[in-house]
C-alpha atoms as a PDB file:
ATOM      1  CA  MET A   1      76.291  15.698 -38.638  1.00  0.00           C
ATOM      2  CA  LEU A   2      74.370  14.127 -41.668  1.00  0.00           C
ATOM      3  CA  ARG A   3      76.587  14.293 -44.832  1.00  0.00           C
ATOM      4  CA  VAL A   4      74.556  14.892 -47.956  1.00  0.00           C
ATOM      5  CA  GLY A   5      76.104  14.474 -51.394  1.00  0.00           C
ATOM      6  CA  VAL A   6      74.472  16.553 -54.217  1.00  0.00           C
ATOM      7  CA  LYS A   7      74.199  14.954 -57.530  1.00  0.00           C
ATOM      8  CA  TYR A   8      72.937  17.033 -60.455  1.00  0.00           C
ATOM      9  CA  CYS A   9      71.355  15.854 -63.554  1.00  0.00           C
ATOM     10  CA  GLY A  10      72.835  17.053 -66.881  1.00  0.00           C
ATOM     11  CA  GLY A  11      70.266  19.766 -67.088  1.00  0.00           C
ATOM     12  CA  CYS A  12      69.028  19.060 -70.836  1.00  0.00           C
ATOM     13  CA  ASN A  13      65.504  19.929 -70.187  1.00  0.00           C
ATOM     14  CA  PRO A  14      65.358  21.829 -66.515  1.00  0.00           C
ATOM     15  CA  GLU A  15      61.778  23.011 -65.459  1.00  0.00           C
ATOM     16  CA  TYR A  16      63.117  25.003 -62.646  1.00  0.00           C
ATOM     17  CA  ASP A  17      66.222  26.427 -61.327  1.00  0.00           C
ATOM     18  CA  ARG A  18      67.925  23.493 -59.771  1.00  0.00           C
ATOM     19  CA  VAL A  19      70.995  25.166 -58.312  1.00  0.00           C
ATOM     20  CA  SER A  20      68.721  27.860 -56.662  1.00  0.00           C
ATOM     21  CA  LEU A  21      66.646  25.142 -55.118  1.00  0.00           C
ATOM     22  CA  VAL A  22      69.700  23.453 -53.701  1.00  0.00           C
ATOM     23  CA  GLU A  23      70.914  26.841 -52.301  1.00  0.00           C
ATOM     24  CA  GLN A  24      67.554  27.315 -50.578  1.00  0.00           C
ATOM     25  CA  ILE A  25      67.824  23.612 -49.152  1.00  0.00           C
ATOM     26  CA  LYS A  26      71.227  24.405 -47.818  1.00  0.00           C
ATOM     27  CA  GLY A  27      70.125  27.516 -46.211  1.00  0.00           C
ATOM     28  CA  ARG A  28      67.168  25.769 -44.304  1.00  0.00           C
ATOM     29  CA  LEU A  29      69.179  22.847 -43.323  1.00  0.00           C
ATOM     30  CA  GLU A  30      72.228  24.882 -42.100  1.00  0.00           C
ATOM     31  CA  GLY A  31      73.717  23.483 -39.091  1.00  0.00           C
ATOM     32  CA  LYS A  32      71.840  20.066 -39.649  1.00  0.00           C
ATOM     33  CA  VAL A  33      73.318  18.958 -42.770  1.00  0.00           C
ATOM     34  CA  CYS A  34      76.744  18.974 -44.231  1.00  0.00           C
ATOM     35  CA  PHE A  35      76.520  19.083 -48.073  1.00  0.00           C
ATOM     36  CA  VAL A  36      79.357  17.672 -49.811  1.00  0.00           C
ATOM     37  CA  PRO A  37      80.363  16.355 -53.430  1.00  0.00           C
ATOM     38  CA  PRO A  38      78.648  13.170 -54.118  1.00  0.00           C
ATOM     39  CA  GLY A  39      81.904  11.309 -54.346  1.00  0.00           C
ATOM     40  CA  SER A  40      83.115  12.376 -50.979  1.00  0.00           C
ATOM     41  CA  GLU A  41      84.056   9.976 -48.188  1.00  0.00           C
ATOM     42  CA  GLY A  42      81.153   9.106 -45.490  1.00  0.00           C
ATOM     43  CA  VAL A  43      78.238  10.373 -47.499  1.00  0.00           C
ATOM     44  CA  ASP A  44      74.997   9.189 -45.663  1.00  0.00           C
ATOM     45  CA  ILE A  45      72.457  10.228 -48.334  1.00  0.00           C
ATOM     46  CA  ILE A  46      72.756  11.289 -51.990  1.00  0.00           C
ATOM     47  CA  LEU A  47      70.446  14.240 -53.038  1.00  0.00           C
ATOM     48  CA  ALA A  48      69.710  13.602 -56.813  1.00  0.00           C
ATOM     49  CA  VAL A  49      68.587  16.915 -58.407  1.00  0.00           C
ATOM     50  CA  HIS A  50      66.741  16.138 -61.623  1.00  0.00           C
ATOM     51  CA  GLY A  51      65.529  19.141 -63.600  1.00  0.00           C
ATOM     52  CA  CYS A  52      62.505  17.475 -64.819  1.00  0.00           C
ATOM     53  CA  GLY A  53      60.212  14.196 -64.146  1.00  0.00           C
ATOM     54  CA  THR A  54      62.356  12.067 -66.488  1.00  0.00           C
ATOM     55  CA  ALA A  55      64.877  11.837 -63.658  1.00  0.00           C
ATOM     56  CA  CYS A  56      67.713  10.408 -65.914  1.00  0.00           C
ATOM     57  CA  ALA A  57      70.866  11.297 -63.956  1.00  0.00           C
ATOM     58  CA  ASP A  58      73.051   8.083 -63.692  1.00  0.00           C
ATOM     59  CA  LEU A  59      73.124   7.098 -60.026  1.00  0.00           C
ATOM     60  CA  SER A  60      74.818   3.863 -60.394  1.00  0.00           C
ATOM     61  CA  ASP A  61      77.889   4.976 -58.476  1.00  0.00           C
ATOM     62  CA  PHE A  62      75.869   5.264 -55.446  1.00  0.00           C
ATOM     63  CA  ARG A  63      74.532   1.747 -54.866  1.00  0.00           C
ATOM     64  CA  GLY A  64      74.327   0.900 -51.423  1.00  0.00           C
ATOM     65  CA  THR A  65      73.819   4.655 -50.273  1.00  0.00           C
ATOM     66  CA  GLN A  66      70.276   6.130 -49.599  1.00  0.00           C
ATOM     67  CA  ILE A  67      69.097   8.238 -52.583  1.00  0.00           C
ATOM     68  CA  ARG A  68      66.614  10.981 -52.320  1.00  0.00           C
ATOM     69  CA  MET A  69      65.085  12.321 -55.440  1.00  0.00           C
ATOM     70  CA  VAL A  70      64.016  15.803 -56.300  1.00  0.00           C
ATOM     71  CA  THR A  71      62.318  16.445 -59.496  1.00  0.00           C
ATOM     72  CA  ASN A  72      60.528  19.779 -58.847  1.00  0.00           C
ATOM     73  CA  ILE A  73      60.298  22.439 -56.079  1.00  0.00           C
ATOM     74  CA  GLU A  74      57.916  20.833 -54.075  1.00  0.00           C
ATOM     75  CA  GLU A  75      60.142  17.651 -53.620  1.00  0.00           C
ATOM     76  CA  GLY A  76      62.714  20.083 -52.386  1.00  0.00           C
ATOM     77  CA  GLY A  77      60.320  21.102 -49.715  1.00  0.00           C
ATOM     78  CA  LYS A  78      59.748  17.429 -48.730  1.00  0.00           C
ATOM     79  CA  PHE A  79      63.385  16.924 -48.437  1.00  0.00           C
ATOM     80  CA  ILE A  80      63.617  19.732 -45.993  1.00  0.00           C
ATOM     81  CA  ARG A  81      60.597  18.520 -43.871  1.00  0.00           C
ATOM     82  CA  GLU A  82      62.136  14.897 -43.829  1.00  0.00           C
ATOM     83  CA  PHE A  83      64.631  16.178 -41.563  1.00  0.00           C
ATOM     84  CA  GLY A  84      62.296  17.881 -39.138  1.00  0.00           C
ATOM     85  CA  ILE A  85      63.043  21.532 -40.140  1.00  0.00           C
ATOM     86  CA  GLU A  86      59.505  22.410 -40.933  1.00  0.00           C
ATOM     87  CA  PRO A  87      56.277  20.964 -39.834  1.00  0.00           C
ATOM     88  CA  ALA A  88      54.507  18.402 -42.435  1.00  0.00           C
ATOM     89  CA  THR A  89      51.615  19.899 -44.062  1.00  0.00           C
ATOM     90  CA  SER A  90      48.465  18.016 -45.503  1.00  0.00           C
END
């Protein structure tokens, strides 16, 4: 099973509810993806959840690991679709 580490930004200027979005993503990917703390062993991908387009979370600890950035709700949907859970829309 794919192991995804979730890294949140500091939340200084959130434009949406980041935690709620991650809970929705987790629900949609249940059984396909295992969500773990970002520093866990064997993480395949880091899901960097930023509250705004500035995307200022420090990701330097994750060099060499795939990183997917989410800065809004729509990008959360793209993350879900990337794993084939929903058909792509145009």
